[in-house]
């Protein structure tokens, strides 16, 4: 069974930075595209950023382009989300996710995520 464990959330002020990490228990982690989602109270979970299995291709939601960076270290079974210039509207629970099968596609997955972490709370005060 795949386990994804996030860390790095917290309470920060607007303009600050945070880095989220997500460690996967799967030995073949390097074959899977990964994503970060966020969910604010009363809103649907939404894709924030995604990265292909090799790390060579990434996707960002318009709201975070230029501020967030997704990366991965396949040797450490870890995917990261560096969040800079945080805004109060970034406040949400952030989840890392793994696509449902090891597609090894060149593009990052936008759908078909099957495995989820427990979530990390990020709160940005104004």
Foldseek 3Di string as FASTA:
>chain_A
DKAKAKDWADEEAAQAKIKMKIAIPDLVLLLWKKFKWWDDPPGDIATAKIAASPRPEMDGDPVQPPFWDWGDDSVRRMIMIIGGRDDQVVFTWMKMFIAPDRPNDRYTDRDRTDDIHPTGTHGYHD
